[in-house]
Amino acid sequence: MGPVQVRLSGVVKVDENDHEVPSVNAPTVAEATALLDRTARVNGADGVIQVGSDYHRITIGRGPLSTQTLIAVQAWGTAVKAAEAVAEEPEAPAEEPDAA
């Protein structure tokens, strides 16, 4: 079928002691690959092969009160669909006219 790709991002905060504040907004590789599979299936594929992913943490703001970190997760792969086997009917032999 072809290539498929998804990208998730979220922002998490860090407290004054540089400990990450737990957040449900932080995407994970597992979420990205699940979304990749779901995206492929919505578009008619049976699954995804050759899956890869990339996880980045980028500090986007640092100040006296808190630090913010952008988390970006990408996943990609190739959407595939099972080939359908077509049963061929044997050709009927041509009838020969009777010689009289």
PDB file of N, CA and C in Angstrom:
ATOM      1  N   MET A   1       0.829  -1.183   0.000  1.00  0.00           N
ATOM      2  CA  MET A   1       0.000   0.000   0.000  1.00  0.00           C
ATOM      3  C   MET A   1       0.873   1.247   0.000  1.00  0.00           C
ATOM      4  N   GLY A   2       1.839   1.324   0.913  1.00  0.00           N
ATOM      5  CA  GLY A   2       2.717   2.480   0.883  1.00  0.00           C
ATOM      6  C   GLY A   2       3.132   2.952   2.258  1.00  0.00           C
ATOM      7  N   PRO A   3       3.930   4.022   2.285  1.00  0.00           N
ATOM      8  CA  PRO A   3       4.446   4.529   3.560  1.00  0.00           C
ATOM      9  C   PRO A   3       3.360   5.219   4.385  1.00  0.00           C
ATOM     10  N   VAL A   4       3.526   5.127   5.694  1.00  0.00           N
ATOM     11  CA  VAL A   4       2.624   5.797   6.627  1.00  0.00           C
ATOM     12  C   VAL A   4       3.481   6.362   7.757  1.00  0.00           C
ATOM     13  N   GLN A   5       3.106   7.545   8.269  1.00  0.00           N
ATOM     14  CA  GLN A   5       3.903   8.203   9.305  1.00  0.00           C
ATOM     15  C   GLN A   5       2.982   8.973  10.241  1.00  0.00           C
ATOM     16  N   VAL A   6       3.318   8.983  11.533  1.00  0.00           N
ATOM     17  CA  VAL A   6       2.589   9.776  12.520  1.00  0.00           C
ATOM     18  C   VAL A   6       3.594  10.525  13.390  1.00  0.00           C
ATOM     19  N   ARG A   7       3.121  11.621  13.973  1.00  0.00           N
ATOM     20  CA  ARG A   7       3.964  12.393  14.888  1.00  0.00           C
ATOM     21  C   ARG A   7       3.106  12.860  16.055  1.00  0.00           C
ATOM     22  N   LEU A   8       3.604  12.641  17.257  1.00  0.00           N
ATOM     23  CA  LEU A   8       2.943  13.089  18.476  1.00  0.00           C
ATOM     24  C   LEU A   8       3.887  14.027  19.209  1.00  0.00           C
ATOM     25  N   SER A   9       3.325  15.029  19.871  1.00  0.00           N
ATOM     26  CA  SER A   9       4.172  15.909  20.674  1.00  0.00           C
ATOM     27  C   SER A   9       3.400  16.357  21.906  1.00  0.00           C
ATOM     28  N   GLY A  10       4.139  16.692  22.931  1.00  0.00           N
ATOM     29  CA  GLY A  10       3.552  17.164  24.173  1.00  0.00           C
ATOM     30  C   GLY A  10       4.595  17.906  24.986  1.00  0.00           C
ATOM     31  N   VAL A  11       4.139  18.694  25.931  1.00  0.00           N
ATOM     32  CA  VAL A  11       5.034  19.494  26.765  1.00  0.00           C
ATOM     33  C   VAL A  11       4.926  19.010  28.206  1.00  0.00           C
ATOM     34  N   VAL A  12       6.073  18.805  28.835  1.00  0.00           N
ATOM     35  CA  VAL A  12       6.112  18.444  30.253  1.00  0.00           C
ATOM     36  C   VAL A  12       6.908  19.500  31.005  1.00  0.00           C
ATOM     37  N   LYS A  13       6.596  19.654  32.272  1.00  0.00           N
ATOM     38  CA  LYS A  13       7.292  20.642  33.101  1.00  0.00           C
ATOM     39  C   LYS A  13       8.247  19.952  34.058  1.00  0.00           C
ATOM     40  N   VAL A  14       9.263  20.686  34.455  1.00  0.00           N
ATOM     41  CA  VAL A  14      10.256  20.214  35.417  1.00  0.00           C
ATOM     42  C   VAL A  14      10.218  21.179  36.598  1.00  0.00           C
ATOM     43  N   ASP A  15      10.232  20.645  37.831  1.00  0.00           N
ATOM     44  CA  ASP A  15      10.176  21.516  39.003  1.00  0.00           C
ATOM     45  C   ASP A  15      11.537  22.136  39.298  1.00  0.00           C
ATOM     46  N   GLU A  16      11.604  22.886  40.387  1.00  0.00           N
ATOM     47  CA  GLU A  16      12.838  23.605  40.739  1.00  0.00           C
ATOM     48  C   GLU A  16      14.004  22.683  41.057  1.00  0.00           C
ATOM     49  N   ASN A  17      13.734  21.412  41.360  1.00  0.00           N
ATOM     50  CA  ASN A  17      14.799  20.444  41.635  1.00  0.00           C
ATOM     51  C   ASN A  17      15.147  19.599  40.411  1.00  0.00           C
ATOM     52  N   ASP A  18      14.705  20.033  39.239  1.00  0.00           N
ATOM     53  CA  ASP A  18      14.927  19.322  37.972  1.00  0.00           C
ATOM     54  C   ASP A  18      14.305  17.928  37.951  1.00  0.00           C
ATOM     55  N   HIS A  19      13.212  17.741  38.688  1.00  0.00           N
ATOM     56  CA  HIS A  19      12.453  16.492  38.619  1.00  0.00           C
ATOM     57  C   HIS A  19      11.255  16.723  37.710  1.00  0.00           C
ATOM     58  N   GLU A  20      11.053  15.803  36.797  1.00  0.00           N
ATOM     59  CA  GLU A  20       9.946  15.941  35.856  1.00  0.00           C
ATOM     60  C   GLU A  20       8.614  15.769  36.571  1.00  0.00           C
ATOM     61  N   VAL A  21       7.695  16.689  36.313  1.00  0.00           N
ATOM     62  CA  VAL A  21       6.353  16.606  36.871  1.00  0.00           C
ATOM     63  C   VAL A  21       5.572  15.604  36.020  1.00  0.00           C
ATOM     64  N   PRO A  22       4.988  14.558  36.634  1.00  0.00           N
ATOM     65  CA  PRO A  22       4.254  13.560  35.844  1.00  0.00           C
ATOM     66  C   PRO A  22       3.154  14.215  35.008  1.00  0.00           C
ATOM     67  N   SER A  23       3.040  13.769  33.778  1.00  0.00           N
ATOM     68  CA  SER A  23       2.078  14.367  32.866  1.00  0.00           C
ATOM     69  C   SER A  23       1.478  13.305  31.955  1.00  0.00           C
ATOM     70  N   VAL A  24       0.180  13.405  31.734  1.00  0.00           N
ATOM     71  CA  VAL A  24      -0.463  12.499  30.786  1.00  0.00           C
ATOM     72  C   VAL A  24      -0.309  13.009  29.358  1.00  0.00           C
ATOM     73  N   ASN A  25       0.233  14.206  29.200  1.00  0.00           N
ATOM     74  CA  ASN A  25       0.420  14.788  27.871  1.00  0.00           C
ATOM     75  C   ASN A  25       1.704  14.339  27.199  1.00  0.00           C
ATOM     76  N   ALA A  26       2.571  13.643  27.917  1.00  0.00           N
ATOM     77  CA  ALA A  26       3.848  13.218  27.344  1.00  0.00           C
ATOM     78  C   ALA A  26       3.636  11.983  26.470  1.00  0.00           C
ATOM     79  N   PRO A  27       3.871  12.096  25.167  1.00  0.00           N
ATOM     80  CA  PRO A  27       3.679  10.937  24.290  1.00  0.00           C
ATOM     81  C   PRO A  27       4.777   9.900  24.472  1.00  0.00           C
ATOM     82  N   THR A  28       4.455   8.663  24.147  1.00  0.00           N
ATOM     83  CA  THR A  28       5.422   7.573  24.238  1.00  0.00           C
ATOM     84  C   THR A  28       5.556   6.900  22.875  1.00  0.00           C
ATOM     85  N   VAL A  29       6.610   6.116  22.728  1.00  0.00           N
ATOM     86  CA  VAL A  29       6.819   5.373  21.487  1.00  0.00           C
ATOM     87  C   VAL A  29       5.692   4.355  21.297  1.00  0.00           C
ATOM     88  N   ALA A  30       5.240   3.745  22.382  1.00  0.00           N
ATOM     89  CA  ALA A  30       4.149   2.767  22.286  1.00  0.00           C
ATOM     90  C   ALA A  30       2.877   3.415  21.743  1.00  0.00           C
ATOM     91  N   GLU A  31       2.571   4.626  22.200  1.00  0.00           N
ATOM     92  CA  GLU A  31       1.393   5.330  21.687  1.00  0.00           C
ATOM     93  C   GLU A  31       1.556   5.662  20.212  1.00  0.00           C
ATOM     94  N   ALA A  32       2.746   6.067  19.817  1.00  0.00           N
ATOM     95  CA  ALA A  32       2.989   6.422  18.416  1.00  0.00           C
ATOM     96  C   ALA A  32       2.858   5.213  17.498  1.00  0.00           C
ATOM     97  N   THR A  33       3.402   4.070  17.914  1.00  0.00           N
ATOM     98  CA  THR A  33       3.299   2.885  17.057  1.00  0.00           C
ATOM     99  C   THR A  33       1.865   2.350  17.023  1.00  0.00           C
ATOM    100  N   ALA A  34       1.125   2.476  18.120  1.00  0.00           N
ATOM    101  CA  ALA A  34      -0.285   2.069  18.117  1.00  0.00           C
ATOM    102  C   ALA A  34      -1.090   2.966  17.181  1.00  0.00           C
ATOM    103  N   LEU A  35      -0.817   4.263  17.205  1.00  0.00           N
ATOM    104  CA  LEU A  35      -1.497   5.195  16.312  1.00  0.00           C
ATOM    105  C   LEU A  35      -1.113   4.938  14.860  1.00  0.00           C
ATOM    106  N   LEU A  36       0.127   4.557  14.630  1.00  0.00           N
ATOM    107  CA  LEU A  36       0.588   4.223  13.280  1.00  0.00           C
ATOM    108  C   LEU A  36      -0.217   3.045  12.730  1.00  0.00           C
ATOM    109  N   ASP A  37      -0.376   2.010  13.534  1.00  0.00           N
ATOM    110  CA  ASP A  37      -1.139   0.839  13.110  1.00  0.00           C
ATOM    111  C   ASP A  37      -2.605   1.207  12.876  1.00  0.00           C
ATOM    112  N   ARG A  38      -3.169   1.990  13.770  1.00  0.00           N
ATOM    113  CA  ARG A  38      -4.568   2.404  13.628  1.00  0.00           C
ATOM    114  C   ARG A  38      -4.764   3.251  12.372  1.00  0.00           C
ATOM    115  N   THR A  39      -3.834   4.158  12.098  1.00  0.00           N
ATOM    116  CA  THR A  39      -3.915   4.994  10.899  1.00  0.00           C
ATOM    117  C   THR A  39      -3.875   4.148   9.636  1.00  0.00           C
ATOM    118  N   ALA A  40      -2.988   3.171   9.605  1.00  0.00           N
ATOM    119  CA  ALA A  40      -2.889   2.299   8.431  1.00  0.00           C
ATOM    120  C   ALA A  40      -4.174   1.502   8.242  1.00  0.00           C
ATOM    121  N   ARG A  41      -4.738   0.982   9.327  1.00  0.00           N
ATOM    122  CA  ARG A  41      -5.958   0.175   9.219  1.00  0.00           C
ATOM    123  C   ARG A  41      -7.160   1.016   8.780  1.00  0.00           C
ATOM    124  N   VAL A  42      -7.241   2.255   9.247  1.00  0.00           N
ATOM    125  CA  VAL A  42      -8.323   3.143   8.818  1.00  0.00           C
ATOM    126  C   VAL A  42      -8.250   3.378   7.312  1.00  0.00           C
ATOM    127  N   ASN A  43      -7.045   3.395   6.768  1.00  0.00           N
ATOM    128  CA  ASN A  43      -6.860   3.615   5.336  1.00  0.00           C
ATOM    129  C   ASN A  43      -6.905   2.327   4.524  1.00  0.00           C
ATOM    130  N   GLY A  44      -7.315   1.214   5.136  1.00  0.00           N
ATOM    131  CA  GLY A  44      -7.533  -0.019   4.402  1.00  0.00           C
ATOM    132  C   GLY A  44      -6.425  -1.048   4.470  1.00  0.00           C
ATOM    133  N   ALA A  45      -5.376  -0.800   5.213  1.00  0.00           N
ATOM    134  CA  ALA A  45      -4.278  -1.767   5.319  1.00  0.00           C
ATOM    135  C   ALA A  45      -4.620  -2.843   6.351  1.00  0.00           C
ATOM    136  N   ASP A  46      -3.916  -3.957   6.250  1.00  0.00           N
ATOM    137  CA  ASP A  46      -4.069  -5.029   7.232  1.00  0.00           C
ATOM    138  C   ASP A  46      -3.038  -4.925   8.350  1.00  0.00           C
ATOM    139  N   GLY A  47      -2.008  -4.139   8.154  1.00  0.00           N
ATOM    140  CA  GLY A  47      -0.966  -3.989   9.159  1.00  0.00           C
ATOM    141  C   GLY A  47       0.162  -3.111   8.650  1.00  0.00           C
ATOM    142  N   VAL A  48       1.215  -3.008   9.465  1.00  0.00           N
ATOM    143  CA  VAL A  48       2.373  -2.181   9.131  1.00  0.00           C
ATOM    144  C   VAL A  48       3.631  -3.014   9.323  1.00  0.00           C
ATOM    145  N   ILE A  49       4.547  -2.934   8.368  1.00  0.00           N
ATOM    146  CA  ILE A  49       5.830  -3.629   8.478  1.00  0.00           C
ATOM    147  C   ILE A  49       6.947  -2.596   8.462  1.00  0.00           C
ATOM    148  N   GLN A  50       8.132  -3.019   8.827  1.00  0.00           N
ATOM    149  CA  GLN A  50       9.330  -2.173   8.847  1.00  0.00           C
ATOM    150  C   GLN A  50       9.085  -0.888   9.641  1.00  0.00           C
ATOM    151  N   VAL A  51       8.607  -1.061  10.879  1.00  0.00           N
ATOM    152  CA  VAL A  51       8.271   0.077  11.734  1.00  0.00           C
ATOM    153  C   VAL A  51       9.531   0.649  12.361  1.00  0.00           C
ATOM    154  N   GLY A  52       9.637   1.957  12.359  1.00  0.00           N
ATOM    155  CA  GLY A  52      10.736   2.659  13.012  1.00  0.00           C
ATOM    156  C   GLY A  52      10.162   3.796  13.838  1.00  0.00           C
ATOM    157  N   SER A  53      10.940   4.292  14.788  1.00  0.00           N
ATOM    158  CA  SER A  53      10.461   5.405  15.605  1.00  0.00           C
ATOM    159  C   SER A  53      11.628   6.271  16.044  1.00  0.00           C
ATOM    160  N   ASP A  54      11.289   7.476  16.464  1.00  0.00           N
ATOM    161  CA  ASP A  54      12.283   8.455  16.890  1.00  0.00           C
ATOM    162  C   ASP A  54      11.692   9.228  18.063  1.00  0.00           C
ATOM    163  N   TYR A  55      12.472   9.413  19.132  1.00  0.00           N
ATOM    164  CA  TYR A  55      12.004  10.066  20.354  1.00  0.00           C
ATOM    165  C   TYR A  55      12.952  11.218  20.671  1.00  0.00           C
ATOM    166  N   HIS A  56      12.419  12.436  20.755  1.00  0.00           N
ATOM    167  CA  HIS A  56      13.252  13.612  21.049  1.00  0.00           C
ATOM    168  C   HIS A  56      12.703  14.373  22.247  1.00  0.00           C
ATOM    169  N   ARG A  57      13.608  14.841  23.091  1.00  0.00           N
ATOM    170  CA  ARG A  57      13.273  15.730  24.202  1.00  0.00           C
ATOM    171  C   ARG A  57      14.041  17.025  23.979  1.00  0.00           C
ATOM    172  N   ILE A  58      13.315  18.139  23.898  1.00  0.00           N
ATOM    173  CA  ILE A  58      13.924  19.426  23.591  1.00  0.00           C
ATOM    174  C   ILE A  58      13.489  20.427  24.658  1.00  0.00           C
ATOM    175  N   THR A  59      14.446  21.058  25.323  1.00  0.00           N
ATOM    176  CA  THR A  59      14.123  22.083  26.306  1.00  0.00           C
ATOM    177  C   THR A  59      13.698  23.336  25.560  1.00  0.00           C
ATOM    178  N   ILE A  60      12.469  23.793  25.829  1.00  0.00           N
ATOM    179  CA  ILE A  60      11.970  24.965  25.110  1.00  0.00           C
ATOM    180  C   ILE A  60      11.830  26.188  26.009  1.00  0.00           C
ATOM    181  N   GLY A  61      11.926  26.016  27.295  1.00  0.00           N
ATOM    182  CA  GLY A  61      11.827  27.155  28.191  1.00  0.00           C
ATOM    183  C   GLY A  61      12.442  26.821  29.528  1.00  0.00           C
ATOM    184  N   ARG A  62      13.322  27.674  29.997  1.00  0.00           N
ATOM    185  CA  ARG A  62      13.939  27.433  31.292  1.00  0.00           C
ATOM    186  C   ARG A  62      13.932  28.756  32.041  1.00  0.00           C
ATOM    187  N   GLY A  63      13.394  28.732  33.229  1.00  0.00           N
ATOM    188  CA  GLY A  63      13.315  29.953  34.009  1.00  0.00           C
ATOM    189  C   GLY A  63      13.406  29.647  35.485  1.00  0.00           C
ATOM    190  N   PRO A  64      13.254  30.669  36.319  1.00  0.00           N
ATOM    191  CA  PRO A  64      13.388  30.468  37.756  1.00  0.00           C
ATOM    192  C   PRO A  64      12.244  29.646  38.358  1.00  0.00           C
ATOM    193  N   LEU A  65      11.095  29.607  37.707  1.00  0.00           N
ATOM    194  CA  LEU A  65       9.956  28.895  38.279  1.00  0.00           C
ATOM    195  C   LEU A  65       9.789  27.482  37.727  1.00  0.00           C
ATOM    196  N   SER A  66      10.131  27.282  36.483  1.00  0.00           N
ATOM    197  CA  SER A  66       9.974  25.943  35.914  1.00  0.00           C
ATOM    198  C   SER A  66      10.703  25.844  34.581  1.00  0.00           C
ATOM    199  N   THR A  67      10.884  24.620  34.163  1.00  0.00           N
ATOM    200  CA  THR A  67      11.462  24.329  32.859  1.00  0.00           C
ATOM    201  C   THR A  67      10.422  23.550  32.072  1.00  0.00           C
ATOM    202  N   GLN A  68      10.301  23.852  30.794  1.00  0.00           N
ATOM    203  CA  GLN A  68       9.389  23.106  29.941  1.00  0.00           C
ATOM    204  C   GLN A  68      10.189  22.330  28.917  1.00  0.00           C
ATOM    205  N   THR A  69       9.777  21.104  28.703  1.00  0.00           N
ATOM    206  CA  THR A  69      10.448  20.234  27.744  1.00  0.00           C
ATOM    207  C   THR A  69       9.427  19.756  26.724  1.00  0.00           C
ATOM    208  N   LEU A  70       9.765  19.916  25.457  1.00  0.00           N
ATOM    209  CA  LEU A  70       8.926  19.403  24.381  1.00  0.00           C
ATOM    210  C   LEU A  70       9.362  17.976  24.092  1.00  0.00           C
ATOM    211  N   ILE A  71       8.399  17.065  24.064  1.00  0.00           N
ATOM    212  CA  ILE A  71       8.676  15.680  23.696  1.00  0.00           C
ATOM    213  C   ILE A  71       8.003  15.430  22.355  1.00  0.00           C
ATOM    214  N   ALA A  72       8.792  15.029  21.379  1.00  0.00           N
ATOM    215  CA  ALA A  72       8.271  14.731  20.042  1.00  0.00           C
ATOM    216  C   ALA A  72       8.601  13.282  19.703  1.00  0.00           C
ATOM    217  N   VAL A  73       7.587  12.532  19.325  1.00  0.00           N
ATOM    218  CA  VAL A  73       7.757  11.125  18.966  1.00  0.00           C
ATOM    219  C   VAL A  73       7.211  10.932  17.554  1.00  0.00           C
ATOM    220  N   GLN A  74       8.020  10.333  16.702  1.00  0.00           N
ATOM    221  CA  GLN A  74       7.587  10.012  15.346  1.00  0.00           C
ATOM    222  C   GLN A  74       7.651   8.504  15.162  1.00  0.00           C
ATOM    223  N   ALA A  75       6.756   7.995  14.364  1.00  0.00           N
ATOM    224  CA  ALA A  75       6.784   6.575  13.999  1.00  0.00           C
ATOM    225  C   ALA A  75       6.445   6.474  12.523  1.00  0.00           C
ATOM    226  N   TRP A  76       7.070   5.522  11.854  1.00  0.00           N
ATOM    227  CA  TRP A  76       6.836   5.352  10.428  1.00  0.00           C
ATOM    228  C   TRP A  76       6.944   3.885  10.066  1.00  0.00           C
ATOM    229  N   GLY A  77       6.413   3.542   8.928  1.00  0.00           N
ATOM    230  CA  GLY A  77       6.460   2.166   8.456  1.00  0.00           C
ATOM    231  C   GLY A  77       5.813   2.060   7.089  1.00  0.00           C
ATOM    232  N   THR A  78       5.620   0.837   6.650  1.00  0.00           N
ATOM    233  CA  THR A  78       4.999   0.573   5.356  1.00  0.00           C
ATOM    234  C   THR A  78       3.691  -0.172   5.586  1.00  0.00           C
ATOM    235  N   ALA A  79       2.599   0.433   5.145  1.00  0.00           N
ATOM    236  CA  ALA A  79       1.288  -0.198   5.274  1.00  0.00           C
ATOM    237  C   ALA A  79       1.166  -1.303   4.232  1.00  0.00           C
ATOM    238  N   VAL A  80       0.659  -2.452   4.663  1.00  0.00           N
ATOM    239  CA  VAL A  80       0.516  -3.598   3.757  1.00  0.00           C
ATOM    240  C   VAL A  80      -0.900  -4.161   3.849  1.00  0.00           C
ATOM    241  N   LYS A  81      -1.294  -4.793   2.781  1.00  0.00           N
ATOM    242  CA  LYS A  81      -2.591  -5.454   2.718  1.00  0.00           C
ATOM    243  C   LYS A  81      -2.359  -6.848   2.168  1.00  0.00           C
ATOM    244  N   ALA A  82      -3.033  -7.823   2.741  1.00  0.00           N
ATOM    245  CA  ALA A  82      -2.872  -9.206   2.296  1.00  0.00           C
ATOM    246  C   ALA A  82      -3.363  -9.345   0.859  1.00  0.00           C
ATOM    247  N   ALA A  83      -2.608 -10.088   0.082  1.00  0.00           N
ATOM    248  CA  ALA A  83      -3.004 -10.332  -1.302  1.00  0.00           C
ATOM    249  C   ALA A  83      -4.189 -11.283  -1.325  1.00  0.00           C
ATOM    250  N   GLU A  84      -5.105 -11.013  -2.198  1.00  0.00           N
ATOM    251  CA  GLU A  84      -6.272 -11.876  -2.319  1.00  0.00           C
ATOM    252  C   GLU A  84      -6.012 -12.903  -3.406  1.00  0.00           C
ATOM    253  N   ALA A  85      -6.191 -14.163  -3.068  1.00  0.00           N
ATOM    254  CA  ALA A  85      -6.007 -15.232  -4.046  1.00  0.00           C
ATOM    255  C   ALA A  85      -7.270 -15.345  -4.890  1.00  0.00           C
ATOM    256  N   VAL A  86      -7.079 -15.351  -6.171  1.00  0.00           N
ATOM    257  CA  VAL A  86      -8.209 -15.469  -7.088  1.00  0.00           C
ATOM    258  C   VAL A  86      -8.211 -16.883  -7.643  1.00  0.00           C
ATOM    259  N   ALA A  87      -9.291 -17.589  -7.415  1.00  0.00           N
ATOM    260  CA  ALA A  87      -9.395 -18.960  -7.924  1.00  0.00           C
ATOM    261  C   ALA A  87      -9.769 -18.903  -9.400  1.00  0.00           C
ATOM    262  N   GLU A  88      -8.935 -19.510 -10.208  1.00  0.00           N
ATOM    263  CA  GLU A  88      -9.204 -19.523 -11.641  1.00  0.00           C
ATOM    264  C   GLU A  88     -10.048 -20.742 -11.973  1.00  0.00           C
ATOM    265  N   GLU A  89     -11.069 -20.518 -12.769  1.00  0.00           N
ATOM    266  CA  GLU A  89     -11.911 -21.626 -13.204  1.00  0.00           C
ATOM    267  C   GLU A  89     -11.278 -22.245 -14.443  1.00  0.00           C
ATOM    268  N   PRO A  90     -11.236 -23.571 -14.487  1.00  0.00           N
ATOM    269  CA  PRO A  90     -10.656 -24.198 -15.683  1.00  0.00           C
ATOM    270  C   PRO A  90     -11.528 -23.910 -16.899  1.00  0.00           C
ATOM    271  N   GLU A  91     -10.853 -23.676 -17.995  1.00  0.00           N
ATOM    272  CA  GLU A  91     -11.587 -23.382 -19.220  1.00  0.00           C
ATOM    273  C   GLU A  91     -12.235 -24.656 -19.744  1.00  0.00           C
ATOM    274  N   ALA A  92     -13.474 -24.528 -20.164  1.00  0.00           N
ATOM    275  CA  ALA A  92     -14.187 -25.681 -20.731  1.00  0.00           C
ATOM    276  C   ALA A  92     -13.672 -25.907 -22.152  1.00  0.00           C
ATOM    277  N   PRO A  93     -13.424 -27.159 -22.503  1.00  0.00           N
ATOM    278  CA  PRO A  93     -12.950 -27.408 -23.869  1.00  0.00           C
ATOM    279  C   PRO A  93     -14.024 -27.030 -24.882  1.00  0.00           C
ATOM    280  N   ALA A  94     -13.580 -26.486 -25.987  1.00  0.00           N
ATOM    281  CA  ALA A  94     -14.518 -26.081 -27.041  1.00  0.00           C
ATOM    282  C   ALA A  94     -15.168 -27.320 -27.632  1.00  0.00           C
ATOM    283  N   GLU A  95     -16.453 -27.244 -27.811  1.00  0.00           N
ATOM    284  CA  GLU A  95     -17.169 -28.390 -28.372  1.00  0.00           C
ATOM    285  C   GLU A  95     -16.909 -28.468 -29.868  1.00  0.00           C
ATOM    286  N   GLU A  96     -16.614 -29.672 -30.322  1.00  0.00           N
ATOM    287  CA  GLU A  96     -16.383 -29.869 -31.750  1.00  0.00           C
ATOM    288  C   GLU A  96     -17.694 -30.298 -32.398  1.00  0.00           C
ATOM    289  N   PRO A  97     -17.979 -29.732 -33.550  1.00  0.00           N
ATOM    290  CA  PRO A  97     -19.214 -30.163 -34.221  1.00  0.00           C
ATOM    291  C   PRO A  97     -19.094 -31.625 -34.633  1.00  0.00           C
ATOM    292  N   ASP A  98     -20.183 -32.335 -34.498  1.00  0.00           N
ATOM    293  CA  ASP A  98     -20.189 -33.760 -34.876  1.00  0.00           C
ATOM    294  C   ASP A  98     -20.107 -33.894 -36.397  1.00  0.00           C
ATOM    295  N   ALA A  99     -19.241 -34.776 -36.834  1.00  0.00           N
ATOM    296  CA  ALA A  99     -19.134 -35.034 -38.269  1.00  0.00           C
ATOM    297  C   ALA A  99     -20.200 -36.059 -38.634  1.00  0.00           C
ATOM    298  N   ALA A 100     -21.049 -35.732 -39.560  1.00  0.00           N
ATOM    299  CA  ALA A 100     -22.125 -36.650 -39.909  1.00  0.00           C
ATOM    300  C   ALA A 100     -21.819 -37.411 -41.151  1.00  0.00           C
TER     301      ALA A 100
END
